[in-house]
Amino acid sequence: MYVSYRPELDIASCGEDVHQAKKNLIEAILINIEECGLEEINTDILSVRKELVGFTLIEVAV
C-alpha cells in the first residue's frame, strides 16, 4: 500500500502502487475542487513533484 499526500491542499489518498496512489490523489483533488464549487483551478496544483519521499514499514515492539 502506498500513500500520497499533497500538503498544500491537505489531501491524501492511497493505492496498491506508486502510480495508483498518484492517480487516486489527483482524483481526490479534483473531487475536492468540484465540491468547493471552484470553476477555475491552477494546474500547478496537479503537477507531480520532482521529488519522491519514500517510507518503509517498521515494526515496533510494545
PDB file of N, CA and C in Angstrom:
ATOM      1  N   MET A   1       0.848  -1.174   0.000  1.00  0.00           N
ATOM      2  CA  MET A   1       0.000   0.000   0.000  1.00  0.00           C
ATOM      3  C   MET A   1       0.893   1.236   0.000  1.00  0.00           C
ATOM      4  N   TYR A   2       0.598   2.164  -0.890  1.00  0.00           N
ATOM      5  CA  TYR A   2       1.325   3.426  -0.988  1.00  0.00           C
ATOM      6  C   TYR A   2       0.371   4.573  -0.676  1.00  0.00           C
ATOM      7  N   VAL A   3       0.866   5.559   0.040  1.00  0.00           N
ATOM      8  CA  VAL A   3       0.069   6.721   0.415  1.00  0.00           C
ATOM      9  C   VAL A   3       0.624   7.939  -0.300  1.00  0.00           C
ATOM     10  N   SER A   4      -0.261   8.745  -0.844  1.00  0.00           N
ATOM     11  CA  SER A   4       0.138  10.000  -1.490  1.00  0.00           C
ATOM     12  C   SER A   4      -0.517  11.153  -0.738  1.00  0.00           C
ATOM     13  N   TYR A   5       0.189  12.286  -0.690  1.00  0.00           N
ATOM     14  CA  TYR A   5      -0.291  13.424   0.098  1.00  0.00           C
ATOM     15  C   TYR A   5       0.141  14.718  -0.559  1.00  0.00           C
ATOM     16  N   ARG A   6      -0.766  15.654  -0.651  1.00  0.00           N
ATOM     17  CA  ARG A   6      -0.457  16.988  -1.181  1.00  0.00           C
ATOM     18  C   ARG A   6      -0.614  17.977  -0.034  1.00  0.00           C
ATOM     19  N   PRO A   7       0.497  18.345   0.637  1.00  0.00           N
ATOM     20  CA  PRO A   7       0.409  19.186   1.836  1.00  0.00           C
ATOM     21  C   PRO A   7      -0.201  20.560   1.588  1.00  0.00           C
ATOM     22  N   GLU A   8      -0.011  21.115   0.387  1.00  0.00           N
ATOM     23  CA  GLU A   8      -0.581  22.434   0.098  1.00  0.00           C
ATOM     24  C   GLU A   8      -2.102  22.428   0.183  1.00  0.00           C
ATOM     25  N   LEU A   9      -2.697  21.280  -0.082  1.00  0.00           N
ATOM     26  CA  LEU A   9      -4.156  21.152  -0.072  1.00  0.00           C
ATOM     27  C   LEU A   9      -4.664  20.312   1.095  1.00  0.00           C
ATOM     28  N   ASP A  10      -3.754  19.696   1.821  1.00  0.00           N
ATOM     29  CA  ASP A  10      -4.092  18.792   2.926  1.00  0.00           C
ATOM     30  C   ASP A  10      -5.031  17.685   2.455  1.00  0.00           C
ATOM     31  N   ILE A  11      -4.669  17.067   1.324  1.00  0.00           N
ATOM     32  CA  ILE A  11      -5.454  15.979   0.748  1.00  0.00           C
ATOM     33  C   ILE A  11      -4.538  14.768   0.600  1.00  0.00           C
ATOM     34  N   ALA A  12      -5.053  13.609   0.989  1.00  0.00           N
ATOM     35  CA  ALA A  12      -4.283  12.370   0.902  1.00  0.00           C
ATOM     36  C   ALA A  12      -5.098  11.303   0.189  1.00  0.00           C
ATOM     37  N   SER A  13      -4.392  10.319  -0.345  1.00  0.00           N
ATOM     38  CA  SER A  13      -5.028   9.167  -0.961  1.00  0.00           C
ATOM     39  C   SER A  13      -4.048   8.004  -0.882  1.00  0.00           C
ATOM     40  N   CYS A  14      -4.410   6.880  -1.479  1.00  0.00           N
ATOM     41  CA  CYS A  14      -3.517   5.720  -1.442  1.00  0.00           C
ATOM     42  C   CYS A  14      -3.767   4.842  -2.660  1.00  0.00           C
ATOM     43  N   GLY A  15      -2.899   3.853  -2.841  1.00  0.00           N
ATOM     44  CA  GLY A  15      -3.039   2.911  -3.945  1.00  0.00           C
ATOM     45  C   GLY A  15      -2.133   1.719  -3.737  1.00  0.00           C
ATOM     46  N   GLU A  16      -2.341   0.705  -4.556  1.00  0.00           N
ATOM     47  CA  GLU A  16      -1.551  -0.524  -4.453  1.00  0.00           C
ATOM     48  C   GLU A  16      -0.109  -0.333  -4.929  1.00  0.00           C
ATOM     49  N   ASP A  17       0.138   0.690  -5.757  1.00  0.00           N
ATOM     50  CA  ASP A  17       1.495   1.017  -6.196  1.00  0.00           C
ATOM     51  C   ASP A  17       1.613   2.540  -6.301  1.00  0.00           C
ATOM     52  N   VAL A  18       2.816   3.030  -6.594  1.00  0.00           N
ATOM     53  CA  VAL A  18       3.056   4.471  -6.644  1.00  0.00           C
ATOM     54  C   VAL A  18       2.170   5.130  -7.699  1.00  0.00           C
ATOM     55  N   HIS A  19       2.078   4.517  -8.865  1.00  0.00           N
ATOM     56  CA  HIS A  19       1.267   5.086  -9.945  1.00  0.00           C
ATOM     57  C   HIS A  19      -0.194   5.219  -9.522  1.00  0.00           C
ATOM     58  N   GLN A  20      -0.750   4.185  -8.926  1.00  0.00           N
ATOM     59  CA  GLN A  20      -2.149   4.217  -8.498  1.00  0.00           C
ATOM     60  C   GLN A  20      -2.356   5.232  -7.379  1.00  0.00           C
ATOM     61  N   ALA A  21      -1.392   5.355  -6.480  1.00  0.00           N
ATOM     62  CA  ALA A  21      -1.504   6.335  -5.393  1.00  0.00           C
ATOM     63  C   ALA A  21      -1.540   7.758  -5.951  1.00  0.00           C
ATOM     64  N   LYS A  22      -0.696   8.055  -6.949  1.00  0.00           N
ATOM     65  CA  LYS A  22      -0.698   9.382  -7.576  1.00  0.00           C
ATOM     66  C   LYS A  22      -2.006   9.626  -8.320  1.00  0.00           C
ATOM     67  N   LYS A  23      -2.467   8.622  -9.071  1.00  0.00           N
ATOM     68  CA  LYS A  23      -3.718   8.741  -9.821  1.00  0.00           C
ATOM     69  C   LYS A  23      -4.890   9.005  -8.877  1.00  0.00           C
ATOM     70  N   ASN A  24      -4.947   8.268  -7.777  1.00  0.00           N
ATOM     71  CA  ASN A  24      -6.023   8.447  -6.807  1.00  0.00           C
ATOM     72  C   ASN A  24      -5.947   9.811  -6.130  1.00  0.00           C
ATOM     73  N   LEU A  25      -4.735  10.319  -5.917  1.00  0.00           N
ATOM     74  CA  LEU A  25      -4.580  11.642  -5.316  1.00  0.00           C
ATOM     75  C   LEU A  25      -5.128  12.722  -6.251  1.00  0.00           C
ATOM     76  N   ILE A  26      -4.811  12.631  -7.525  1.00  0.00           N
ATOM     77  CA  ILE A  26      -5.333  13.606  -8.482  1.00  0.00           C
ATOM     78  C   ILE A  26      -6.855  13.553  -8.511  1.00  0.00           C
ATOM     79  N   GLU A  27      -7.413  12.353  -8.480  1.00  0.00           N
ATOM     80  CA  GLU A  27      -8.872  12.213  -8.450  1.00  0.00           C
ATOM     81  C   GLU A  27      -9.456  12.855  -7.191  1.00  0.00           C
ATOM     82  N   ALA A  28      -8.816  12.637  -6.052  1.00  0.00           N
ATOM     83  CA  ALA A  28      -9.295  13.228  -4.795  1.00  0.00           C
ATOM     84  C   ALA A  28      -9.222  14.754  -4.846  1.00  0.00           C
ATOM     85  N   ILE A  29      -8.163  15.288  -5.446  1.00  0.00           N
ATOM     86  CA  ILE A  29      -8.025  16.743  -5.576  1.00  0.00           C
ATOM     87  C   ILE A  29      -9.141  17.300  -6.456  1.00  0.00           C
ATOM     88  N   LEU A  30      -9.398  16.644  -7.584  1.00  0.00           N
ATOM     89  CA  LEU A  30     -10.445  17.114  -8.490  1.00  0.00           C
ATOM     90  C   LEU A  30     -11.823  17.058  -7.833  1.00  0.00           C
ATOM     91  N   ILE A  31     -12.098  16.006  -7.079  1.00  0.00           N
ATOM     92  CA  ILE A  31     -13.372  15.900  -6.359  1.00  0.00           C
ATOM     93  C   ILE A  31     -13.489  17.020  -5.341  1.00  0.00           C
ATOM     94  N   ASN A  32     -12.408  17.279  -4.620  1.00  0.00           N
ATOM     95  CA  ASN A  32     -12.421  18.341  -3.617  1.00  0.00           C
ATOM     96  C   ASN A  32     -12.674  19.699  -4.256  1.00  0.00           C
ATOM     97  N   ILE A  33     -12.009  19.974  -5.364  1.00  0.00           N
ATOM     98  CA  ILE A  33     -12.193  21.243  -6.068  1.00  0.00           C
ATOM     99  C   ILE A  33     -13.637  21.373  -6.549  1.00  0.00           C
ATOM    100  N   GLU A  34     -14.181  20.284  -7.087  1.00  0.00           N
ATOM    101  CA  GLU A  34     -15.568  20.296  -7.558  1.00  0.00           C
ATOM    102  C   GLU A  34     -16.538  20.554  -6.407  1.00  0.00           C
ATOM    103  N   GLU A  35     -16.316  19.903  -5.279  1.00  0.00           N
ATOM    104  CA  GLU A  35     -17.195  20.072  -4.119  1.00  0.00           C
ATOM    105  C   GLU A  35     -17.122  21.484  -3.546  1.00  0.00           C
ATOM    106  N   CYS A  36     -15.981  22.133  -3.713  1.00  0.00           N
ATOM    107  CA  CYS A  36     -15.826  23.511  -3.226  1.00  0.00           C
ATOM    108  C   CYS A  36     -16.468  24.516  -4.171  1.00  0.00           C
ATOM    109  N   GLY A  37     -16.876  24.062  -5.346  1.00  0.00           N
ATOM    110  CA  GLY A  37     -17.524  24.942  -6.304  1.00  0.00           C
ATOM    111  C   GLY A  37     -16.572  25.843  -7.059  1.00  0.00           C
ATOM    112  N   LEU A  38     -15.308  25.479  -7.093  1.00  0.00           N
ATOM    113  CA  LEU A  38     -14.333  26.288  -7.825  1.00  0.00           C
ATOM    114  C   LEU A  38     -14.458  25.997  -9.315  1.00  0.00           C
ATOM    115  N   GLU A  39     -14.515  27.043 -10.108  1.00  0.00           N
ATOM    116  CA  GLU A  39     -14.655  26.862 -11.550  1.00  0.00           C
ATOM    117  C   GLU A  39     -13.309  26.818 -12.258  1.00  0.00           C
ATOM    118  N   GLU A  40     -12.330  27.514 -11.715  1.00  0.00           N
ATOM    119  CA  GLU A  40     -11.004  27.529 -12.321  1.00  0.00           C
ATOM    120  C   GLU A  40     -10.011  26.952 -11.329  1.00  0.00           C
ATOM    121  N   ILE A  41      -9.070  26.182 -11.842  1.00  0.00           N
ATOM    122  CA  ILE A  41      -8.038  25.637 -10.971  1.00  0.00           C
ATOM    123  C   ILE A  41      -6.675  26.000 -11.531  1.00  0.00           C
ATOM    124  N   ASN A  42      -5.730  26.090 -10.642  1.00  0.00           N
ATOM    125  CA  ASN A  42      -4.346  26.324 -11.029  1.00  0.00           C
ATOM    126  C   ASN A  42      -3.750  24.959 -11.346  1.00  0.00           C
ATOM    127  N   THR A  43      -3.356  24.723 -12.587  1.00  0.00           N
ATOM    128  CA  THR A  43      -2.856  23.407 -12.971  1.00  0.00           C
ATOM    129  C   THR A  43      -1.561  23.051 -12.255  1.00  0.00           C
ATOM    130  N   ASP A  44      -0.877  24.034 -11.672  1.00  0.00           N
ATOM    131  CA  ASP A  44       0.328  23.735 -10.896  1.00  0.00           C
ATOM    132  C   ASP A  44      -0.009  22.858  -9.695  1.00  0.00           C
ATOM    133  N   ILE A  45      -1.227  22.963  -9.203  1.00  0.00           N
ATOM    134  CA  ILE A  45      -1.653  22.153  -8.059  1.00  0.00           C
ATOM    135  C   ILE A  45      -1.582  20.675  -8.407  1.00  0.00           C
ATOM    136  N   LEU A  46      -1.900  20.333  -9.661  1.00  0.00           N
ATOM    137  CA  LEU A  46      -1.953  18.936 -10.076  1.00  0.00           C
ATOM    138  C   LEU A  46      -0.621  18.401 -10.583  1.00  0.00           C
ATOM    139  N   SER A  47       0.368  19.265 -10.743  1.00  0.00           N
ATOM    140  CA  SER A  47       1.647  18.807 -11.270  1.00  0.00           C
ATOM    141  C   SER A  47       2.345  17.895 -10.263  1.00  0.00           C
ATOM    142  N   VAL A  48       3.056  16.931 -10.801  1.00  0.00           N
ATOM    143  CA  VAL A  48       3.760  15.972  -9.955  1.00  0.00           C
ATOM    144  C   VAL A  48       5.071  16.588  -9.500  1.00  0.00           C
ATOM    145  N   ARG A  49       5.338  16.462  -8.233  1.00  0.00           N
ATOM    146  CA  ARG A  49       6.604  16.987  -7.720  1.00  0.00           C
ATOM    147  C   ARG A  49       7.766  16.195  -8.294  1.00  0.00           C
ATOM    148  N   LYS A  50       8.888  16.859  -8.386  1.00  0.00           N
ATOM    149  CA  LYS A  50      10.071  16.200  -8.911  1.00  0.00           C
ATOM    150  C   LYS A  50      10.739  15.313  -7.865  1.00  0.00           C
ATOM    151  N   GLU A  51      10.327  15.466  -6.627  1.00  0.00           N
ATOM    152  CA  GLU A  51      10.908  14.646  -5.576  1.00  0.00           C
ATOM    153  C   GLU A  51       9.892  13.606  -5.116  1.00  0.00           C
ATOM    154  N   LEU A  52      10.376  12.470  -4.739  1.00  0.00           N
ATOM    155  CA  LEU A  52       9.523  11.415  -4.213  1.00  0.00           C
ATOM    156  C   LEU A  52      10.070  11.036  -2.850  1.00  0.00           C
ATOM    157  N   VAL A  53       9.257  11.214  -1.849  1.00  0.00           N
ATOM    158  CA  VAL A  53       9.664  10.860  -0.494  1.00  0.00           C
ATOM    159  C   VAL A  53       9.214   9.436  -0.243  1.00  0.00           C
ATOM    160  N   GLY A  54      10.102   8.605   0.222  1.00  0.00           N
ATOM    161  CA  GLY A  54       9.753   7.216   0.462  1.00  0.00           C
ATOM    162  C   GLY A  54       9.741   6.873   1.935  1.00  0.00           C
ATOM    163  N   PHE A  55       8.929   5.915   2.260  1.00  0.00           N
ATOM    164  CA  PHE A  55       8.830   5.415   3.618  1.00  0.00           C
ATOM    165  C   PHE A  55       8.855   3.899   3.563  1.00  0.00           C
ATOM    166  N   THR A  56       9.150   3.295   4.661  1.00  0.00           N
ATOM    167  CA  THR A  56       9.141   1.843   4.724  1.00  0.00           C
ATOM    168  C   THR A  56       8.433   1.392   5.990  1.00  0.00           C
ATOM    169  N   LEU A  57       7.880   0.210   5.941  1.00  0.00           N
ATOM    170  CA  LEU A  57       7.166  -0.352   7.076  1.00  0.00           C
ATOM    171  C   LEU A  57       8.154  -0.775   8.157  1.00  0.00           C
ATOM    172  N   ILE A  58       7.860  -0.429   9.394  1.00  0.00           N
ATOM    173  CA  ILE A  58       8.686  -0.874  10.516  1.00  0.00           C
ATOM    174  C   ILE A  58       7.784  -1.495  11.574  1.00  0.00           C
ATOM    175  N   GLU A  59       8.343  -2.362  12.355  1.00  0.00           N
ATOM    176  CA  GLU A  59       7.609  -2.969  13.457  1.00  0.00           C
ATOM    177  C   GLU A  59       8.191  -2.464  14.764  1.00  0.00           C
ATOM    178  N   VAL A  60       7.316  -2.148  15.693  1.00  0.00           N
ATOM    179  CA  VAL A  60       7.737  -1.634  16.988  1.00  0.00           C
ATOM    180  C   VAL A  60       7.147  -2.536  18.065  1.00  0.00           C
ATOM    181  N   ALA A  61       7.997  -3.074  18.901  1.00  0.00           N
ATOM    182  CA  ALA A  61       7.522  -3.916  19.998  1.00  0.00           C
ATOM    183  C   ALA A  61       7.012  -3.027  21.123  1.00  0.00           C
ATOM    184  N   VAL A  62       5.855  -3.377  21.659  1.00  0.00           N
ATOM    185  CA  VAL A  62       5.302  -2.608  22.780  1.00  0.00           C
ATOM    186  C   VAL A  62       5.058  -3.506  23.961  1.00  0.00           C
TER     187      VAL A  62
END
